[in-house]
Amino acid sequence: MASEAGLQLSLSRVTCFLAVAEHGSFIEAAEHLRLAQPWVSTQVRHLERDLGVRLFDRARRRIRLTDEGARLLPAARRLVEAARDLAAEAQVVRRSQDGLRIGAPFYTTRYPGRRRVVSRFMAAHPGIPVHLDYHWTPRLLDLLRDGSLDLAFASEPFDATGLRTYVVDTLVQAVSAPDGHPLASDSGPLTLADLAGHSVATFDRALNPALYDARYAALRDAGALLVTGPEAMPDALSSFATERGLLTYGEFPAPLRTRYRGTVIRPLTPAPSPTSLRLVMLPRSPNPSTHLFWTEATGQDAPDA
């Protein structure tokens, strides 16, 4: 037995002791810990040797704590809980040192509000690295909810249940017509009826069904012909459309420019559905930098900051 001054307890042994005490069985404790039962038994015996006391009465069919074991059980719980708290706090420290992981749809690189929010934070907090990860909104929200991202920029529509959101870009829905197209002769607003019989290049619906339906269903119902392009990146889809004399349709940051790279951009009125780009975070975040970013971007206190 180690002397009191030199006693060094193994956390794994204390954890095994606690599990056996709570389950009343070495077998059930081993199953709970996903460890081999002989190994759990050995760890408890070693802890008894370290402490110099017998923790369990093994003489009966169902083991039970000795008086000494019962007295030590609360301290064992506190030790294991303190170790968990230490590990959780260490994760917070690591996350803070790693900086911020922020997700965004790839097409938002041209959105001024999104760019402004990120640039302002980096200028105000130059010591905090910012890492941007690009995906479609459904994937970004999955990564946010499983803790892989600290924050995300998300394009409507999406399920905001359990999320805090803030509008960073108001988007105008518009049609882009390549030079020479019949609808490129004017820059005024278009109606859905104006699109009947015209072909519109789209991304593959499987990439983001909610956005696809919100963006294109009304056009299809109005008689537009939807043509799926081979690539979803805006510039690639625009090139595909321009080469074939097709229209494109999507969200453009306000204020709307009327020309862009050999195309005429015309707003659609009335717009099929209102839309915006939103900054999104979970109510609680283990990374303190998340709260700094939210406050810097919105001027509001972060939830549970």
Protein backbone atom coordinates (compact mmCIF):
# COMPACT_ATOMS: atom_id res chain seq x y z
CA MET A 1 0.00 0.00 0.00
CA ALA A 2 1.29 3.48 -0.86
CA SER A 3 1.85 5.95 1.94
CA GLU A 4 -0.69 8.76 2.29
CA ALA A 5 1.82 11.31 1.02
CA GLY A 6 2.76 9.18 -1.98
CA LEU A 7 -0.72 7.90 -2.88
CA GLN A 8 -1.41 8.26 -6.60
CA LEU A 9 -4.86 7.15 -7.66
CA SER A 10 -5.64 5.80 -11.11
CA LEU A 11 -8.72 7.47 -12.55
CA SER A 12 -9.56 4.34 -14.55
CA ARG A 13 -9.54 2.28 -11.35
CA VAL A 14 -11.80 4.77 -9.58
CA THR A 15 -14.13 4.75 -12.60
CA CYS A 16 -14.35 0.95 -12.45
CA PHE A 17 -15.09 1.09 -8.71
CA LEU A 18 -17.86 3.61 -9.31
CA ALA A 19 -19.39 1.55 -12.13
CA VAL A 20 -19.41 -1.67 -10.07
CA ALA A 21 -20.97 0.17 -7.12
CA GLU A 22 -23.70 1.67 -9.30
CA HIS A 23 -24.52 -1.57 -11.16
CA GLY A 24 -23.99 -4.01 -8.28
CA SER A 25 -22.20 -6.39 -10.62
CA PHE A 26 -18.77 -6.70 -12.19
CA ILE A 27 -20.33 -8.14 -15.34
CA GLU A 28 -22.86 -5.31 -15.76
CA ALA A 29 -20.22 -2.70 -14.93
CA ALA A 30 -17.93 -4.14 -17.59
CA GLU A 31 -20.75 -4.06 -20.15
CA HIS A 32 -21.51 -0.44 -19.25
CA LEU A 33 -17.85 0.54 -19.59
CA ARG A 34 -17.41 -1.65 -22.69
CA LEU A 35 -14.48 -3.38 -21.08
CA ALA A 36 -13.61 -7.00 -20.33
CA GLN A 37 -14.98 -8.18 -16.97
CA PRO A 38 -11.65 -9.65 -15.75
CA TRP A 39 -9.95 -6.32 -16.45
CA VAL A 40 -12.57 -4.43 -14.42
CA SER A 41 -12.18 -6.88 -11.53
CA THR A 42 -8.40 -6.44 -11.63
CA GLN A 43 -8.71 -2.64 -11.60
CA VAL A 44 -10.93 -2.74 -8.51
CA ARG A 45 -8.54 -5.11 -6.71
CA HIS A 46 -5.64 -2.78 -7.52
CA LEU A 47 -7.62 0.19 -6.17
CA GLU A 48 -8.33 -1.72 -2.96
CA ARG A 49 -4.60 -2.36 -2.66
CA ASP A 50 -3.82 1.31 -3.33
CA LEU A 51 -6.30 2.53 -0.72
CA GLY A 52 -5.62 -0.18 1.81
CA VAL A 53 -9.32 -0.98 2.31
CA ARG A 54 -11.73 -3.60 1.00
CA LEU A 55 -14.40 -1.90 -1.12
CA PHE A 56 -16.76 -4.81 -1.86
CA ASP A 57 -18.10 -7.85 -0.08
CA ARG A 58 -17.73 -10.59 -2.67
CA ALA A 59 -18.95 -13.44 -0.49
CA ARG A 60 -22.54 -13.19 -1.69
CA ARG A 61 -24.14 -13.91 -5.07
CA ARG A 62 -24.74 -10.19 -5.57
CA ILE A 63 -21.78 -8.12 -4.48
CA ARG A 64 -22.33 -5.19 -2.15
CA LEU A 65 -20.28 -2.31 -0.84
CA THR A 66 -18.47 -2.71 2.43
CA ASP A 67 -18.92 0.04 5.02
CA GLU A 68 -15.55 1.45 3.93
CA GLY A 69 -16.58 1.32 0.27
CA ALA A 70 -19.83 3.14 1.02
CA ARG A 71 -17.93 5.89 2.83
CA LEU A 72 -15.53 6.35 -0.08
CA LEU A 73 -18.21 6.25 -2.81
CA PRO A 74 -19.19 9.99 -2.67
CA ALA A 75 -15.55 11.04 -2.94
CA ALA A 76 -15.10 8.69 -5.90
CA ARG A 77 -18.07 10.30 -7.64
CA ARG A 78 -16.65 13.77 -7.04
CA LEU A 79 -13.27 12.69 -8.43
CA VAL A 80 -14.75 11.24 -11.63
CA GLU A 81 -17.02 14.28 -12.12
CA ALA A 82 -14.05 16.61 -11.59
CA ALA A 83 -12.09 14.69 -14.22
CA ARG A 84 -14.97 15.04 -16.68
CA ASP A 85 -15.18 18.76 -15.96
CA LEU A 86 -11.43 19.06 -16.55
CA ALA A 87 -11.69 17.27 -19.89
CA ALA A 88 -14.61 19.45 -20.97
CA GLU A 89 -12.78 22.65 -20.01
CA ALA A 90 -9.68 21.46 -21.85
CA GLN A 91 -11.82 20.99 -24.96
CA VAL A 92 -13.04 24.58 -24.64
CA VAL A 93 -9.44 25.79 -24.36
CA ARG A 94 -8.39 23.76 -27.41
CA ARG A 95 -11.34 25.00 -29.44
CA SER A 96 -10.52 28.58 -28.52
CA GLN A 97 -6.89 28.11 -29.57
CA ASP A 98 -7.96 26.49 -32.83
CA GLY A 99 -10.01 29.57 -33.71
CA LEU A 100 -13.42 29.60 -35.33
CA ARG A 101 -14.81 27.08 -37.79
CA ILE A 102 -17.51 28.76 -39.85
CA GLY A 103 -19.49 27.18 -42.65
CA ALA A 104 -20.95 28.96 -45.66
CA PRO A 105 -22.58 28.07 -48.97
CA PHE A 106 -19.92 28.30 -51.67
CA TYR A 107 -21.90 30.84 -53.70
CA THR A 108 -21.90 33.41 -50.86
CA THR A 109 -18.36 34.60 -51.58
CA ARG A 110 -19.99 37.42 -53.58
CA TYR A 111 -22.43 38.42 -50.82
CA PRO A 112 -21.30 41.74 -49.28
CA GLY A 113 -22.95 41.21 -45.89
CA ARG A 114 -21.25 37.88 -45.36
CA ARG A 115 -17.87 39.21 -46.43
CA ARG A 116 -18.28 42.29 -44.25
CA VAL A 117 -19.17 40.26 -41.13
CA VAL A 118 -16.12 38.01 -41.47
CA SER A 119 -13.73 40.86 -42.29
CA ARG A 120 -14.96 42.97 -39.38
CA PHE A 121 -14.42 40.14 -36.91
CA MET A 122 -10.94 39.39 -38.21
CA ALA A 123 -10.00 43.07 -37.93
CA ALA A 124 -11.35 43.31 -34.38
CA HIS A 125 -9.82 40.00 -33.21
CA PRO A 126 -6.66 39.40 -35.26
CA GLY A 127 -5.42 36.76 -32.81
CA ILE A 128 -8.36 34.41 -33.47
CA PRO A 129 -7.96 32.34 -36.66
CA VAL A 130 -11.07 31.98 -38.81
CA HIS A 131 -11.51 28.86 -40.97
CA LEU A 132 -14.28 28.83 -43.59
CA ASP A 133 -15.75 25.54 -44.77
CA TYR A 134 -17.99 25.49 -47.86
CA HIS A 135 -21.01 23.22 -48.32
CA TRP A 136 -24.69 23.41 -49.20
CA THR A 137 -26.91 24.66 -46.38
CA PRO A 138 -28.34 21.24 -45.33
CA ARG A 139 -24.83 19.85 -44.84
CA LEU A 140 -23.72 22.99 -43.00
CA LEU A 141 -26.57 22.67 -40.51
CA ASP A 142 -25.70 19.00 -39.90
CA LEU A 143 -22.09 19.99 -39.20
CA LEU A 144 -23.22 22.81 -36.91
CA ARG A 145 -25.51 20.56 -34.91
CA ASP A 146 -22.90 17.80 -34.47
CA GLY A 147 -20.29 20.30 -33.25
CA SER A 148 -18.04 20.22 -36.31
CA LEU A 149 -18.75 23.91 -36.95
CA ASP A 150 -19.01 26.81 -34.51
CA LEU A 151 -21.26 28.95 -36.70
CA ALA A 152 -22.70 28.83 -40.19
CA PHE A 153 -24.14 31.09 -42.83
CA ALA A 154 -27.30 29.46 -44.15
CA SER A 155 -29.51 30.26 -47.14
CA GLU A 156 -33.24 30.18 -46.64
CA PRO A 157 -35.33 28.11 -46.62
CA PHE A 158 -34.10 25.84 -43.80
CA ASP A 159 -35.36 24.40 -40.53
CA ALA A 160 -34.28 26.85 -37.83
CA THR A 161 -35.65 24.81 -34.92
CA GLY A 162 -33.33 25.15 -31.93
CA LEU A 163 -31.09 27.69 -33.69
CA ARG A 164 -30.36 31.38 -33.21
CA THR A 165 -30.37 33.22 -36.55
CA TYR A 166 -29.61 36.72 -37.81
CA VAL A 167 -30.02 38.16 -41.32
CA VAL A 168 -26.69 39.27 -42.81
CA ASP A 169 -27.75 39.63 -46.46
CA THR A 170 -31.13 40.48 -47.95
CA LEU A 171 -31.41 38.79 -51.31
CA VAL A 172 -33.26 39.86 -54.42
CA GLN A 173 -34.55 37.13 -56.69
CA ALA A 174 -33.72 37.84 -60.30
CA VAL A 175 -33.30 36.36 -63.75
CA SER A 176 -30.00 36.60 -65.61
CA ALA A 177 -30.29 36.67 -69.40
CA PRO A 178 -27.20 36.43 -71.65
CA ASP A 179 -26.66 39.16 -74.21
CA GLY A 180 -28.67 38.37 -77.32
CA HIS A 181 -31.43 36.56 -75.44
CA PRO A 182 -34.94 37.97 -76.08
CA LEU A 183 -35.28 38.86 -72.37
CA ALA A 184 -31.95 40.75 -72.39
CA SER A 185 -33.40 43.66 -74.35
CA ASP A 186 -34.65 45.39 -71.19
CA SER A 187 -33.57 45.63 -67.54
CA GLY A 188 -36.99 46.10 -65.99
CA PRO A 189 -38.76 43.59 -63.74
CA LEU A 190 -40.06 40.31 -65.14
CA THR A 191 -43.12 38.33 -64.13
CA LEU A 192 -43.38 34.56 -63.96
CA ALA A 193 -45.57 34.67 -67.06
CA ASP A 194 -42.67 36.26 -68.98
CA LEU A 195 -40.61 33.09 -68.42
CA ALA A 196 -43.10 30.70 -70.02
CA GLY A 197 -41.44 28.74 -72.81
CA HIS A 198 -37.91 29.91 -71.92
CA SER A 199 -35.21 27.47 -70.73
CA VAL A 200 -33.63 28.07 -67.32
CA ALA A 201 -30.37 26.41 -66.23
CA THR A 202 -30.55 24.84 -62.75
CA PHE A 203 -28.35 22.89 -60.38
CA ASP A 204 -29.11 19.24 -59.58
CA ARG A 205 -32.08 19.05 -57.19
CA ALA A 206 -30.40 16.28 -55.17
CA LEU A 207 -27.79 18.77 -53.92
CA ASN A 208 -30.32 20.87 -51.98
CA PRO A 209 -33.98 19.87 -52.50
CA ALA A 210 -35.42 22.62 -50.29
CA LEU A 211 -33.55 25.40 -52.08
CA TYR A 212 -34.24 23.89 -55.50
CA ASP A 213 -37.99 23.74 -54.86
CA ALA A 214 -38.11 27.24 -53.36
CA ARG A 215 -36.16 28.64 -56.28
CA TYR A 216 -37.50 26.78 -59.29
CA ALA A 217 -40.93 25.26 -58.56
CA ALA A 218 -42.82 28.47 -59.34
CA LEU A 219 -40.85 28.90 -62.58
CA ARG A 220 -41.67 25.37 -63.69
CA ASP A 221 -45.35 25.85 -62.82
CA ALA A 222 -45.37 29.06 -64.87
CA GLY A 223 -44.17 27.15 -67.94
CA ALA A 224 -40.40 27.68 -67.83
CA LEU A 225 -38.30 24.74 -69.04
CA LEU A 226 -35.75 23.62 -66.43
CA VAL A 227 -32.40 22.35 -67.72
CA THR A 228 -30.02 20.75 -65.19
CA GLY A 229 -26.43 21.92 -65.59
CA PRO A 230 -23.41 19.68 -64.96
CA GLU A 231 -22.01 21.95 -62.21
CA ALA A 232 -23.59 23.89 -59.34
CA MET A 233 -21.01 26.64 -58.82
CA PRO A 234 -22.63 29.94 -59.89
CA ASP A 235 -19.91 30.90 -62.37
CA ALA A 236 -19.89 27.41 -63.89
CA LEU A 237 -23.68 27.32 -64.14
CA SER A 238 -23.68 30.82 -65.64
CA SER A 239 -21.10 29.77 -68.25
CA PHE A 240 -23.16 26.68 -69.08
CA ALA A 241 -26.23 28.89 -69.55
CA THR A 242 -24.46 31.58 -71.57
CA GLU A 243 -22.93 29.06 -73.97
CA ARG A 244 -26.38 27.61 -74.66
CA GLY A 245 -28.40 30.83 -74.57
CA LEU A 246 -30.24 29.81 -71.39
CA LEU A 247 -31.52 31.93 -68.53
CA THR A 248 -30.39 31.49 -64.95
CA TYR A 249 -32.40 32.36 -61.88
CA GLY A 250 -31.33 32.85 -58.30
CA GLU A 251 -30.72 35.13 -55.37
CA PHE A 252 -28.60 38.24 -55.75
CA PRO A 253 -27.47 40.52 -52.92
CA ALA A 254 -29.22 43.87 -52.73
CA PRO A 255 -28.86 46.40 -54.23
CA LEU A 256 -29.21 44.54 -57.50
CA ARG A 257 -26.79 45.34 -60.32
CA THR A 258 -28.31 45.32 -63.80
CA ARG A 259 -25.37 43.81 -65.70
CA TYR A 260 -22.81 41.16 -64.83
CA ARG A 261 -20.31 39.41 -67.13
CA GLY A 262 -22.21 39.67 -70.39
CA THR A 263 -25.65 39.20 -68.89
CA VAL A 264 -28.59 41.43 -68.05
CA ILE A 265 -30.02 40.90 -64.58
CA ARG A 266 -33.74 41.52 -64.17
CA PRO A 267 -35.65 41.25 -60.88
CA LEU A 268 -38.64 38.93 -60.75
CA THR A 269 -41.87 40.38 -59.43
CA PRO A 270 -43.61 39.22 -57.42
CA ALA A 271 -40.77 37.06 -56.06
CA PRO A 272 -41.82 33.41 -55.54
CA SER A 273 -40.56 33.41 -51.94
CA PRO A 274 -38.67 35.89 -49.73
CA THR A 275 -35.14 34.86 -48.93
CA SER A 276 -32.05 35.92 -47.05
CA LEU A 277 -28.67 34.68 -45.90
CA ARG A 278 -28.58 34.17 -42.14
CA LEU A 279 -25.85 33.74 -39.58
CA VAL A 280 -26.72 30.69 -37.49
CA MET A 281 -25.48 29.36 -34.16
CA LEU A 282 -26.57 26.88 -31.52
CA PRO A 283 -27.93 28.25 -28.23
CA ARG A 284 -24.81 26.95 -26.49
CA SER A 285 -21.29 26.72 -27.85
CA PRO A 286 -18.17 25.31 -26.14
CA ASN A 287 -16.01 27.80 -28.04
CA PRO A 288 -15.97 31.27 -26.43
CA SER A 289 -14.92 32.79 -29.74
CA THR A 290 -18.35 31.86 -31.11
CA HIS A 291 -19.97 34.37 -28.78
CA LEU A 292 -17.46 37.05 -29.76
CA PHE A 293 -18.25 36.52 -33.44
CA TRP A 294 -22.01 36.61 -32.87
CA THR A 295 -21.80 39.85 -30.88
CA GLU A 296 -19.47 41.45 -33.43
CA ALA A 297 -21.73 40.45 -36.33
CA THR A 298 -25.11 41.29 -34.83
CA GLY A 299 -24.52 43.85 -32.09
CA GLN A 300 -26.47 41.50 -29.81
CA ASP A 301 -25.35 39.47 -26.82
CA ALA A 302 -24.86 35.86 -27.82
CA PRO A 303 -27.30 33.33 -26.32
CA ASP A 304 -26.00 31.96 -23.02
CA ALA A 305 -22.86 34.05 -23.36
